[in-house]
């Protein structure tokens, strides 16, 4: 559970640093991949 909270917080901070829609899409994809790795 702590890992999930950490991942979500990191994703939120990363998204605030994006300037483009394309960048946001890439960050969301990376966040999803990190969550999938954490679940395995």
PDB file of N, CA and C in Angstrom:
ATOM      1  N   UNK A   1       0.824  -1.198   0.000  1.00  0.00           N
ATOM      2  CA  UNK A   1       0.000   0.000   0.000  1.00  0.00           C
ATOM      3  C   UNK A   1       0.862   1.252   0.000  1.00  0.00           C
ATOM      4  N   UNK A   2       1.947   1.224   0.769  1.00  0.00           N
ATOM      5  CA  UNK A   2       2.835   2.387   0.807  1.00  0.00           C
ATOM      6  C   UNK A   2       3.460   2.631  -0.560  1.00  0.00           C
ATOM      7  N   UNK A   3       3.760   1.547  -1.268  1.00  0.00           N
ATOM      8  CA  UNK A   3       4.363   1.672  -2.594  1.00  0.00           C
ATOM      9  C   UNK A   3       3.389   2.360  -3.546  1.00  0.00           C
ATOM     10  N   UNK A   4       2.115   1.977  -3.477  1.00  0.00           N
ATOM     11  CA  UNK A   4       1.106   2.576  -4.349  1.00  0.00           C
ATOM     12  C   UNK A   4       0.982   4.068  -4.076  1.00  0.00           C
ATOM     13  N   UNK A   5       0.968   4.460  -2.818  1.00  0.00           N
ATOM     14  CA  UNK A   5       0.874   5.877  -2.456  1.00  0.00           C
ATOM     15  C   UNK A   5       2.097   6.622  -2.978  1.00  0.00           C
ATOM     16  N   UNK A   6       3.252   6.035  -2.845  1.00  0.00           N
ATOM     17  CA  UNK A   6       4.483   6.651  -3.333  1.00  0.00           C
ATOM     18  C   UNK A   6       4.439   6.832  -4.847  1.00  0.00           C
ATOM     19  N   UNK A   7       3.977   5.818  -5.543  1.00  0.00           N
ATOM     20  CA  UNK A   7       3.873   5.890  -7.004  1.00  0.00           C
ATOM     21  C   UNK A   7       2.896   6.987  -7.420  1.00  0.00           C
ATOM     22  N   UNK A   8       1.750   7.040  -6.770  1.00  0.00           N
ATOM     23  CA  UNK A   8       0.753   8.060  -7.116  1.00  0.00           C
ATOM     24  C   UNK A   8       1.282   9.464  -6.837  1.00  0.00           C
ATOM     25  N   UNK A   9       1.980   9.640  -5.738  1.00  0.00           N
ATOM     26  CA  UNK A   9       2.538  10.950  -5.413  1.00  0.00           C
ATOM     27  C   UNK A   9       3.600  11.350  -6.440  1.00  0.00           C
ATOM     28  N   UNK A  10       4.447  10.399  -6.802  1.00  0.00           N
ATOM     29  CA  UNK A  10       5.478  10.676  -7.806  1.00  0.00           C
ATOM     30  C   UNK A  10       4.855  11.028  -9.145  1.00  0.00           C
ATOM     31  N   UNK A  11       3.821  10.306  -9.527  1.00  0.00           N
ATOM     32  CA  UNK A  11       3.126  10.589 -10.777  1.00  0.00           C
ATOM     33  C   UNK A  11       2.508  11.985 -10.747  1.00  0.00           C
ATOM     34  N   UNK A  12       1.913  12.351  -9.628  1.00  0.00           N
ATOM     35  CA  UNK A  12       1.302  13.674  -9.512  1.00  0.00           C
ATOM     36  C   UNK A  12       2.350  14.773  -9.677  1.00  0.00           C
ATOM     37  N   UNK A  13       3.502  14.618  -9.034  1.00  0.00           N
ATOM     38  CA  UNK A  13       4.557  15.614  -9.164  1.00  0.00           C
ATOM     39  C   UNK A  13       5.106  15.662 -10.590  1.00  0.00           C
ATOM     40  N   UNK A  14       5.204  14.517 -11.232  1.00  0.00           N
ATOM     41  CA  UNK A  14       5.688  14.459 -12.604  1.00  0.00           C
ATOM     42  C   UNK A  14       4.712  15.145 -13.544  1.00  0.00           C
ATOM     43  N   UNK A  15       3.421  14.918 -13.336  1.00  0.00           N
ATOM     44  CA  UNK A  15       2.412  15.539 -14.189  1.00  0.00           C
ATOM     45  C   UNK A  15       2.432  17.050 -14.064  1.00  0.00           C
ATOM     46  N   UNK A  16       2.728  17.576 -12.886  1.00  0.00           N
ATOM     47  CA  UNK A  16       2.758  19.025 -12.720  1.00  0.00           C
ATOM     48  C   UNK A  16       3.938  19.632 -13.474  1.00  0.00           C
ATOM     49  N   UNK A  17       4.935  18.808 -13.784  1.00  0.00           N
ATOM     50  CA  UNK A  17       6.098  19.302 -14.507  1.00  0.00           C
ATOM     51  C   UNK A  17       5.942  19.247 -16.018  1.00  0.00           C
ATOM     52  N   UNK A  18       4.843  18.690 -16.505  1.00  0.00           N
ATOM     53  CA  UNK A  18       4.629  18.561 -17.945  1.00  0.00           C
ATOM     54  C   UNK A  18       4.097  19.858 -18.536  1.00  0.00           C
ATOM     55  N   UNK A  19       4.514  20.132 -19.764  1.00  0.00           N
ATOM     56  CA  UNK A  19       4.026  21.321 -20.450  1.00  0.00           C
ATOM     57  C   UNK A  19       3.143  20.974 -21.639  1.00  0.00           C
ATOM     58  N   UNK A  20       3.171  19.727 -22.078  1.00  0.00           N
ATOM     59  CA  UNK A  20       2.414  19.361 -23.269  1.00  0.00           C
ATOM     60  C   UNK A  20       1.505  18.174 -23.003  1.00  0.00           C
ATOM     61  N   UNK A  21       0.482  18.048 -23.818  1.00  0.00           N
ATOM     62  CA  UNK A  21      -0.435  16.917 -23.709  1.00  0.00           C
ATOM     63  C   UNK A  21       0.311  15.624 -23.990  1.00  0.00           C
ATOM     64  N   UNK A  22       1.212  15.638 -24.940  1.00  0.00           N
ATOM     65  CA  UNK A  22       1.985  14.434 -25.266  1.00  0.00           C
ATOM     66  C   UNK A  22       2.831  14.013 -24.065  1.00  0.00           C
ATOM     67  N   UNK A  23       3.417  14.971 -23.386  1.00  0.00           N
ATOM     68  CA  UNK A  23       4.224  14.677 -22.204  1.00  0.00           C
ATOM     69  C   UNK A  23       3.383  14.065 -21.094  1.00  0.00           C
ATOM     70  N   UNK A  24       2.158  14.569 -20.925  1.00  0.00           N
ATOM     71  CA  UNK A  24       1.256  14.033 -19.910  1.00  0.00           C
ATOM     72  C   UNK A  24       0.928  12.577 -20.222  1.00  0.00           C
ATOM     73  N   UNK A  25       0.675  12.285 -21.500  1.00  0.00           N
ATOM     74  CA  UNK A  25       0.373  10.909 -21.910  1.00  0.00           C
ATOM     75  C   UNK A  25       1.518   9.968 -21.600  1.00  0.00           C
ATOM     76  N   UNK A  26       2.734  10.411 -21.856  1.00  0.00           N
ATOM     77  CA  UNK A  26       3.906   9.572 -21.569  1.00  0.00           C
ATOM     78  C   UNK A  26       4.049   9.342 -20.071  1.00  0.00           C
ATOM     79  N   UNK A  27       3.802  10.382 -19.281  1.00  0.00           N
ATOM     80  CA  UNK A  27       3.920  10.241 -17.830  1.00  0.00           C
ATOM     81  C   UNK A  27       2.869   9.292 -17.284  1.00  0.00           C
ATOM     82  N   UNK A  28       1.646   9.373 -17.801  1.00  0.00           N
ATOM     83  CA  UNK A  28       0.580   8.473 -17.353  1.00  0.00           C
ATOM     84  C   UNK A  28       0.946   7.034 -17.702  1.00  0.00           C
ATOM     85  N   UNK A  29       1.511   6.851 -18.893  1.00  0.00           N
ATOM     86  CA  UNK A  29       1.917   5.503 -19.312  1.00  0.00           C
ATOM     87  C   UNK A  29       2.995   4.954 -18.381  1.00  0.00           C
ATOM     88  N   UNK A  30       3.982   5.783 -18.035  1.00  0.00           N
ATOM     89  CA  UNK A  30       5.049   5.343 -17.126  1.00  0.00           C
ATOM     90  C   UNK A  30       4.482   5.026 -15.748  1.00  0.00           C
ATOM     91  N   UNK A  31       3.529   5.836 -15.298  1.00  0.00           N
ATOM     92  CA  UNK A  31       2.902   5.585 -14.006  1.00  0.00           C
ATOM     93  C   UNK A  31       2.159   4.258 -14.003  1.00  0.00           C
ATOM     94  N   UNK A  32       1.451   3.972 -15.102  1.00  0.00           N
ATOM     95  CA  UNK A  32       0.735   2.709 -15.225  1.00  0.00           C
ATOM     96  C   UNK A  32       1.673   1.520 -15.222  1.00  0.00           C
ATOM     97  N   UNK A  33       2.795   1.662 -15.912  1.00  0.00           N
ATOM     98  CA  UNK A  33       3.785   0.580 -15.944  1.00  0.00           C
ATOM     99  C   UNK A  33       4.366   0.345 -14.552  1.00  0.00           C
ATOM    100  N   UNK A  34       4.615   1.416 -13.815  1.00  0.00           N
ATOM    101  CA  UNK A  34       5.159   1.278 -12.465  1.00  0.00           C
ATOM    102  C   UNK A  34       4.168   0.574 -11.553  1.00  0.00           C
ATOM    103  N   UNK A  35       2.893   0.886 -11.700  1.00  0.00           N
ATOM    104  CA  UNK A  35       1.869   0.246 -10.885  1.00  0.00           C
ATOM    105  C   UNK A  35       1.787  -1.243 -11.225  1.00  0.00           C
ATOM    106  N   UNK A  36       1.874  -1.567 -12.517  1.00  0.00           N
ATOM    107  CA  UNK A  36       1.821  -2.970 -12.917  1.00  0.00           C
ATOM    108  C   UNK A  36       3.008  -3.736 -12.331  1.00  0.00           C
ATOM    109  N   UNK A  37       4.184  -3.144 -12.336  1.00  0.00           N
ATOM    110  CA  UNK A  37       5.373  -3.800 -11.770  1.00  0.00           C
ATOM    111  C   UNK A  37       5.197  -3.993 -10.268  1.00  0.00           C
ATOM    112  N   UNK A  38       4.614  -3.003  -9.594  1.00  0.00           N
ATOM    113  CA  UNK A  38       4.420  -3.094  -8.143  1.00  0.00           C
ATOM    114  C   UNK A  38       3.434  -4.205  -7.793  1.00  0.00           C
ATOM    115  N   UNK A  39       2.432  -4.399  -8.640  1.00  0.00           N
ATOM    116  CA  UNK A  39       1.427  -5.421  -8.380  1.00  0.00           C
ATOM    117  C   UNK A  39       2.019  -6.816  -8.538  1.00  0.00           C
ATOM    118  N   UNK A  40       2.905  -6.997  -9.494  1.00  0.00           N
ATOM    119  CA  UNK A  40       3.532  -8.301  -9.730  1.00  0.00           C
ATOM    120  C   UNK A  40       4.450  -8.587  -8.575  1.00  0.00           C
TER     121      UNK A  40
END
